[in-house]
Amino acid sequence: MLHIKEGLELIELGEEDGTVIFDGSTGDSVILDPVGADIMRCISKTNEIEDVISELTEIYTGDPEIIRRDILSFVKECMEHGILCESDQPT
């Protein structure tokens, strides 16, 4: 199961301003592009990567395998930067 690291907040600033992941303990923030924001919103709704992939392949047009690969790449990068975590427990 995936979840956004405890202490991080997903803040939607508006359609034109985008979405930010904010760490209240350090003041650090990461600005997400629209696709990254959609991935994070899906992860916050369902902690299962396969559910995220399924939902986003319905939203976005294109080769489902490329969409899957891009989502997995984004998730891996977020995990490497401590934004996402894996656990056996639901959040």
N, C-alpha and C. Protein backbone atom coordinates (compact mmCIF):
# COMPACT_ATOMS: atom_id res chain seq x y z
N MET A 1 0.84 -1.18 0.00
CA MET A 1 0.00 0.00 0.00
C MET A 1 0.89 1.25 0.00
N LEU A 2 0.47 2.21 -0.78
CA LEU A 2 1.19 3.49 -0.84
C LEU A 2 0.46 4.54 -0.03
N HIS A 3 1.21 5.45 0.52
CA HIS A 3 0.59 6.61 1.16
C HIS A 3 1.57 7.77 1.14
N ILE A 4 1.00 8.95 1.22
CA ILE A 4 1.82 10.16 1.31
C ILE A 4 2.43 10.18 2.70
N LYS A 5 3.72 10.47 2.76
CA LYS A 5 4.44 10.47 4.04
C LYS A 5 3.73 11.35 5.06
N GLU A 6 3.68 10.85 6.27
CA GLU A 6 3.06 11.60 7.37
C GLU A 6 3.73 12.96 7.50
N GLY A 7 2.93 13.98 7.68
CA GLY A 7 3.44 15.34 7.83
C GLY A 7 3.44 16.14 6.54
N LEU A 8 3.23 15.45 5.41
CA LEU A 8 3.14 16.16 4.13
C LEU A 8 1.70 16.44 3.80
N GLU A 9 1.47 17.56 3.17
CA GLU A 9 0.11 17.97 2.83
C GLU A 9 0.03 18.25 1.34
N LEU A 10 -1.00 17.72 0.71
CA LEU A 10 -1.26 17.96 -0.70
C LEU A 10 -2.20 19.16 -0.77
N ILE A 11 -1.72 20.27 -1.33
CA ILE A 11 -2.49 21.51 -1.37
C ILE A 11 -2.77 21.89 -2.81
N GLU A 12 -4.05 21.98 -3.15
CA GLU A 12 -4.45 22.41 -4.48
C GLU A 12 -4.66 23.92 -4.45
N LEU A 13 -3.86 24.63 -5.23
CA LEU A 13 -3.88 26.08 -5.21
C LEU A 13 -4.88 26.68 -6.20
N GLY A 14 -5.39 25.88 -7.05
CA GLY A 14 -6.32 26.37 -8.06
C GLY A 14 -5.87 25.88 -9.42
N GLU A 15 -6.79 25.92 -10.35
CA GLU A 15 -6.53 25.38 -11.67
C GLU A 15 -5.31 25.98 -12.34
N GLU A 16 -5.11 27.28 -12.22
CA GLU A 16 -3.99 27.94 -12.88
C GLU A 16 -2.69 27.82 -12.08
N ASP A 17 -2.79 27.68 -10.76
CA ASP A 17 -1.59 27.69 -9.92
C ASP A 17 -1.05 26.31 -9.61
N GLY A 18 -1.82 25.28 -9.85
CA GLY A 18 -1.33 23.92 -9.67
C GLY A 18 -1.51 23.36 -8.27
N THR A 19 -0.73 22.32 -8.00
CA THR A 19 -0.81 21.59 -6.74
C THR A 19 0.59 21.50 -6.14
N VAL A 20 0.63 21.60 -4.82
CA VAL A 20 1.90 21.60 -4.09
C VAL A 20 1.85 20.53 -3.01
N ILE A 21 2.98 19.87 -2.81
CA ILE A 21 3.16 19.02 -1.64
C ILE A 21 3.98 19.85 -0.66
N PHE A 22 3.42 20.06 0.53
CA PHE A 22 4.04 20.93 1.52
C PHE A 22 4.42 20.14 2.76
N ASP A 23 5.65 20.32 3.22
CA ASP A 23 6.14 19.71 4.44
C ASP A 23 6.15 20.80 5.52
N GLY A 24 5.16 20.73 6.41
CA GLY A 24 5.02 21.74 7.45
C GLY A 24 6.17 21.76 8.44
N SER A 25 6.87 20.63 8.58
CA SER A 25 7.96 20.59 9.56
C SER A 25 9.23 21.27 9.05
N THR A 26 9.41 21.31 7.74
CA THR A 26 10.63 21.92 7.18
C THR A 26 10.35 23.17 6.36
N GLY A 27 9.09 23.33 5.94
CA GLY A 27 8.74 24.44 5.06
C GLY A 27 9.04 24.15 3.60
N ASP A 28 9.54 22.95 3.31
CA ASP A 28 9.84 22.57 1.92
C ASP A 28 8.55 22.31 1.16
N SER A 29 8.60 22.57 -0.13
CA SER A 29 7.44 22.27 -0.97
C SER A 29 7.91 21.77 -2.33
N VAL A 30 7.04 20.99 -2.96
CA VAL A 30 7.27 20.46 -4.30
C VAL A 30 6.05 20.82 -5.13
N ILE A 31 6.28 21.45 -6.26
CA ILE A 31 5.19 21.80 -7.16
C ILE A 31 4.99 20.67 -8.15
N LEU A 32 3.75 20.22 -8.27
CA LEU A 32 3.42 19.11 -9.17
C LEU A 32 2.82 19.62 -10.46
N ASP A 33 3.17 18.96 -11.56
CA ASP A 33 2.48 19.25 -12.81
C ASP A 33 1.09 18.58 -12.73
N PRO A 34 0.20 18.86 -13.68
CA PRO A 34 -1.16 18.31 -13.59
C PRO A 34 -1.21 16.78 -13.52
N VAL A 35 -0.35 16.10 -14.24
CA VAL A 35 -0.36 14.63 -14.21
C VAL A 35 0.11 14.14 -12.84
N GLY A 36 1.19 14.72 -12.33
CA GLY A 36 1.67 14.36 -11.00
C GLY A 36 0.61 14.61 -9.94
N ALA A 37 -0.12 15.71 -10.07
CA ALA A 37 -1.20 16.02 -9.13
C ALA A 37 -2.30 14.96 -9.21
N ASP A 38 -2.65 14.52 -10.43
CA ASP A 38 -3.66 13.47 -10.57
C ASP A 38 -3.20 12.17 -9.93
N ILE A 39 -1.94 11.83 -10.10
CA ILE A 39 -1.41 10.61 -9.49
C ILE A 39 -1.50 10.71 -7.97
N MET A 40 -1.08 11.83 -7.41
CA MET A 40 -1.11 11.99 -5.95
C MET A 40 -2.55 12.00 -5.42
N ARG A 41 -3.47 12.61 -6.13
CA ARG A 41 -4.88 12.60 -5.71
C ARG A 41 -5.40 11.16 -5.68
N CYS A 42 -5.06 10.38 -6.70
CA CYS A 42 -5.49 8.99 -6.74
C CYS A 42 -4.88 8.20 -5.59
N ILE A 43 -3.62 8.41 -5.32
CA ILE A 43 -2.96 7.71 -4.21
C ILE A 43 -3.62 8.08 -2.89
N SER A 44 -4.01 9.33 -2.73
CA SER A 44 -4.65 9.73 -1.47
C SER A 44 -6.05 9.13 -1.32
N LYS A 45 -6.69 8.76 -2.45
CA LYS A 45 -8.01 8.13 -2.39
C LYS A 45 -7.90 6.63 -2.20
N THR A 46 -6.98 6.01 -2.91
CA THR A 46 -6.78 4.56 -2.82
C THR A 46 -5.30 4.30 -2.70
N ASN A 47 -4.94 3.48 -1.77
CA ASN A 47 -3.53 3.23 -1.51
C ASN A 47 -2.94 2.13 -2.39
N GLU A 48 -3.72 1.59 -3.27
CA GLU A 48 -3.28 0.47 -4.11
C GLU A 48 -2.82 0.98 -5.47
N ILE A 49 -1.58 0.69 -5.83
CA ILE A 49 -1.02 1.19 -7.08
C ILE A 49 -1.81 0.72 -8.29
N GLU A 50 -2.30 -0.51 -8.25
CA GLU A 50 -3.07 -1.01 -9.40
C GLU A 50 -4.36 -0.23 -9.58
N ASP A 51 -4.99 0.21 -8.49
CA ASP A 51 -6.20 1.04 -8.58
C ASP A 51 -5.86 2.41 -9.17
N VAL A 52 -4.72 2.96 -8.78
CA VAL A 52 -4.27 4.25 -9.32
C VAL A 52 -4.06 4.13 -10.83
N ILE A 53 -3.36 3.08 -11.23
CA ILE A 53 -3.08 2.87 -12.65
C ILE A 53 -4.38 2.69 -13.43
N SER A 54 -5.29 1.91 -12.89
CA SER A 54 -6.57 1.67 -13.55
C SER A 54 -7.36 2.96 -13.73
N GLU A 55 -7.44 3.77 -12.68
CA GLU A 55 -8.19 5.02 -12.75
C GLU A 55 -7.57 5.99 -13.77
N LEU A 56 -6.26 6.09 -13.76
CA LEU A 56 -5.61 7.05 -14.65
C LEU A 56 -5.58 6.60 -16.10
N THR A 57 -5.59 5.29 -16.36
CA THR A 57 -5.67 4.84 -17.75
C THR A 57 -7.06 5.09 -18.32
N GLU A 58 -8.05 5.27 -17.45
CA GLU A 58 -9.39 5.66 -17.92
C GLU A 58 -9.46 7.16 -18.20
N ILE A 59 -8.70 7.96 -17.46
CA ILE A 59 -8.73 9.41 -17.61
C ILE A 59 -7.90 9.86 -18.81
N TYR A 60 -6.70 9.29 -18.93
CA TYR A 60 -5.76 9.72 -19.97
C TYR A 60 -5.82 8.81 -21.19
N THR A 61 -5.72 9.43 -22.37
CA THR A 61 -5.66 8.64 -23.59
C THR A 61 -4.20 8.29 -23.86
N GLY A 62 -4.01 7.19 -24.53
CA GLY A 62 -2.66 6.75 -24.85
C GLY A 62 -2.50 5.28 -24.58
N ASP A 63 -1.33 4.79 -24.85
CA ASP A 63 -1.01 3.38 -24.65
C ASP A 63 -1.03 3.09 -23.14
N PRO A 64 -1.90 2.17 -22.69
CA PRO A 64 -1.97 1.87 -21.25
C PRO A 64 -0.63 1.43 -20.66
N GLU A 65 0.21 0.76 -21.42
CA GLU A 65 1.51 0.33 -20.89
C GLU A 65 2.44 1.51 -20.66
N ILE A 66 2.36 2.50 -21.53
CA ILE A 66 3.18 3.71 -21.34
C ILE A 66 2.68 4.50 -20.13
N ILE A 67 1.36 4.60 -20.00
CA ILE A 67 0.78 5.28 -18.84
C ILE A 67 1.21 4.57 -17.56
N ARG A 68 1.12 3.25 -17.55
CA ARG A 68 1.53 2.44 -16.39
C ARG A 68 3.00 2.69 -16.06
N ARG A 69 3.85 2.64 -17.07
CA ARG A 69 5.29 2.85 -16.86
C ARG A 69 5.57 4.23 -16.28
N ASP A 70 4.88 5.25 -16.81
CA ASP A 70 5.09 6.62 -16.33
C ASP A 70 4.63 6.79 -14.89
N ILE A 71 3.50 6.17 -14.54
CA ILE A 71 3.01 6.23 -13.15
C ILE A 71 4.00 5.56 -12.21
N LEU A 72 4.46 4.37 -12.59
CA LEU A 72 5.41 3.65 -11.74
C LEU A 72 6.72 4.42 -11.59
N SER A 73 7.16 5.08 -12.64
CA SER A 73 8.36 5.90 -12.58
C SER A 73 8.17 7.07 -11.62
N PHE A 74 7.03 7.74 -11.71
CA PHE A 74 6.71 8.86 -10.82
C PHE A 74 6.68 8.39 -9.36
N VAL A 75 6.02 7.27 -9.12
CA VAL A 75 5.92 6.73 -7.76
C VAL A 75 7.30 6.39 -7.21
N LYS A 76 8.12 5.76 -8.03
CA LYS A 76 9.48 5.41 -7.60
C LYS A 76 10.27 6.67 -7.22
N GLU A 77 10.18 7.70 -8.05
CA GLU A 77 10.89 8.95 -7.76
C GLU A 77 10.38 9.58 -6.46
N CYS A 78 9.07 9.56 -6.25
CA CYS A 78 8.50 10.12 -5.02
C CYS A 78 8.95 9.32 -3.79
N MET A 79 9.08 8.02 -3.95
CA MET A 79 9.56 7.20 -2.83
C MET A 79 11.02 7.49 -2.53
N GLU A 80 11.82 7.67 -3.57
CA GLU A 80 13.23 7.99 -3.38
C GLU A 80 13.43 9.33 -2.68
N HIS A 81 12.48 10.26 -2.88
CA HIS A 81 12.57 11.58 -2.26
C HIS A 81 11.80 11.66 -0.93
N GLY A 82 11.28 10.53 -0.48
CA GLY A 82 10.59 10.50 0.81
C GLY A 82 9.21 11.12 0.80
N ILE A 83 8.62 11.26 -0.36
CA ILE A 83 7.27 11.84 -0.45
C ILE A 83 6.21 10.75 -0.26
N LEU A 84 6.47 9.59 -0.84
CA LEU A 84 5.58 8.44 -0.70
C LEU A 84 6.26 7.35 0.10
N CYS A 85 5.46 6.58 0.81
CA CYS A 85 5.95 5.46 1.60
C CYS A 85 5.09 4.25 1.30
N GLU A 86 5.63 3.08 1.54
CA GLU A 86 4.88 1.84 1.43
C GLU A 86 4.66 1.28 2.82
N SER A 87 3.50 0.66 3.01
CA SER A 87 3.26 -0.02 4.27
C SER A 87 2.22 -1.11 4.04
N ASP A 88 2.14 -2.02 5.00
CA ASP A 88 1.12 -3.07 4.95
C ASP A 88 -0.18 -2.61 5.58
N GLN A 89 -0.13 -1.49 6.27
CA GLN A 89 -1.29 -0.97 6.99
C GLN A 89 -1.99 0.12 6.19
N PRO A 90 -3.33 0.10 6.12
CA PRO A 90 -4.02 1.21 5.46
C PRO A 90 -3.84 2.50 6.24
N THR A 91 -3.85 3.61 5.49
CA THR A 91 -3.70 4.91 6.18
C THR A 91 -5.03 5.61 6.28
